Amino acid sequence: MAKSNKVAALILGAAAGVALVKFFKMPVEERNKFCDHLKTQTSFLLDNAEETVEKVEHYMDDFKSKEEGEWIDKLYILKNMFKSLYGSDKHYLL
């Protein structure tokens, strides 16, 4: 694994860890709202699968256009993709 890929994996792992800690520190009611939001948005994305695939393909084209060493740009593209797919109107989302 290239050095930049290791760094990117480390950053993603750390972000996942922080997200889990934050999730388990939420009050149960807020956790339930968060899970409901994820379920609702995922259902919406599945119901509109063609549009969702087009969005993901757009972001993946941007992702693939970056050089191997541009991992920060790649992470930024992934962050924007998830914001676009799941929204950021809730304070507990990215």
Protein backbone atom coordinates (compact mmCIF):
# COMPACT_ATOMS: atom_id res chain seq x y z
CA MET A 1 0.00 0.00 0.00
CA ALA A 2 1.38 3.39 -0.96
CA LYS A 3 2.17 5.87 1.79
CA SER A 4 -0.64 8.21 0.72
CA ASN A 5 -3.13 5.33 0.83
CA LYS A 6 -1.99 4.45 4.35
CA VAL A 7 -2.46 8.04 5.49
CA ALA A 8 -5.91 8.18 3.86
CA ALA A 9 -6.89 4.89 5.54
CA LEU A 10 -5.69 6.25 8.89
CA ILE A 11 -7.75 9.42 8.47
CA LEU A 12 -10.86 7.48 7.46
CA GLY A 13 -10.39 5.09 10.38
CA ALA A 14 -10.01 7.96 12.81
CA ALA A 15 -13.10 9.67 11.41
CA ALA A 16 -15.10 6.45 11.79
CA GLY A 17 -13.89 6.12 15.38
CA VAL A 18 -14.86 9.68 16.22
CA ALA A 19 -18.26 9.17 14.59
CA LEU A 20 -18.90 6.05 16.68
CA VAL A 21 -17.91 7.78 19.91
CA LYS A 22 -20.11 10.76 19.04
CA PHE A 23 -23.02 8.45 18.15
CA PHE A 24 -22.85 6.55 21.45
CA LYS A 25 -22.60 9.79 23.44
CA MET A 26 -25.87 11.05 21.92
CA PRO A 27 -29.01 10.76 24.00
CA VAL A 28 -31.14 7.79 22.92
CA GLU A 29 -33.81 10.08 21.44
CA GLU A 30 -31.25 11.88 19.27
CA ARG A 31 -29.73 8.54 18.20
CA ASN A 32 -33.17 7.38 17.13
CA LYS A 33 -33.71 10.59 15.12
CA PHE A 34 -30.33 10.11 13.47
CA CYS A 35 -31.11 6.49 12.55
CA ASP A 36 -34.56 7.49 11.27
CA HIS A 37 -32.95 10.17 9.11
CA LEU A 38 -30.50 7.63 7.67
CA LYS A 39 -33.30 5.12 6.98
CA THR A 40 -35.53 7.73 5.35
CA GLN A 41 -32.77 9.15 3.19
CA THR A 42 -31.55 5.68 2.18
CA SER A 43 -35.08 4.73 1.16
CA PHE A 44 -35.32 7.93 -0.87
CA LEU A 45 -32.00 7.19 -2.58
CA LEU A 46 -33.14 3.65 -3.38
CA ASP A 47 -36.51 4.84 -4.69
CA ASN A 48 -34.64 7.24 -6.97
CA ALA A 49 -31.88 4.78 -7.85
CA GLU A 50 -31.26 6.12 -11.35
CA GLU A 51 -30.66 9.65 -10.08
CA THR A 52 -28.56 8.33 -7.19
CA VAL A 53 -26.35 6.33 -9.55
CA GLU A 54 -25.84 9.41 -11.71
CA LYS A 55 -24.79 11.45 -8.67
CA VAL A 56 -22.39 8.76 -7.46
CA GLU A 57 -20.92 8.34 -10.95
CA HIS A 58 -20.32 12.10 -11.13
CA TYR A 59 -18.39 12.05 -7.85
CA MET A 60 -16.49 8.89 -8.80
CA ASP A 61 -15.44 10.48 -12.11
CA ASP A 62 -14.04 13.40 -10.10
CA PHE A 63 -12.39 10.95 -7.70
CA LYS A 64 -10.76 8.97 -10.52
CA SER A 65 -9.50 12.14 -12.20
CA LYS A 66 -7.24 12.86 -9.23
CA GLU A 67 -3.67 11.59 -9.16
CA GLU A 68 -2.65 8.96 -6.62
CA GLY A 69 -0.93 11.52 -4.41
CA GLU A 70 -3.97 13.79 -4.23
CA TRP A 71 -5.60 11.85 -1.41
CA ILE A 72 -6.77 14.99 0.40
CA ASP A 73 -8.71 16.01 -2.69
CA LYS A 74 -10.11 12.47 -2.94
CA LEU A 75 -11.28 12.57 0.69
CA TYR A 76 -12.90 15.95 0.07
CA ILE A 77 -14.77 14.50 -2.94
CA LEU A 78 -16.05 11.60 -0.81
CA LYS A 79 -17.12 14.00 1.94
CA ASN A 80 -19.05 16.09 -0.58
CA MET A 81 -20.65 12.99 -2.05
CA PHE A 82 -21.98 11.89 1.32
CA LYS A 83 -23.16 15.41 2.12
CA SER A 84 -24.97 15.49 -1.20
CA LEU A 85 -26.56 12.07 -0.66
CA TYR A 86 -27.46 12.38 3.02
CA GLY A 87 -27.69 16.13 3.55
CA SER A 88 -26.22 18.24 6.27
CA ASP A 89 -29.26 19.98 7.72
CA LYS A 90 -28.97 18.06 10.99
CA HIS A 91 -26.28 19.15 13.43
CA TYR A 92 -25.06 15.60 13.87
CA LEU A 93 -24.39 15.07 10.18
CA LEU A 94 -21.26 16.13 8.31
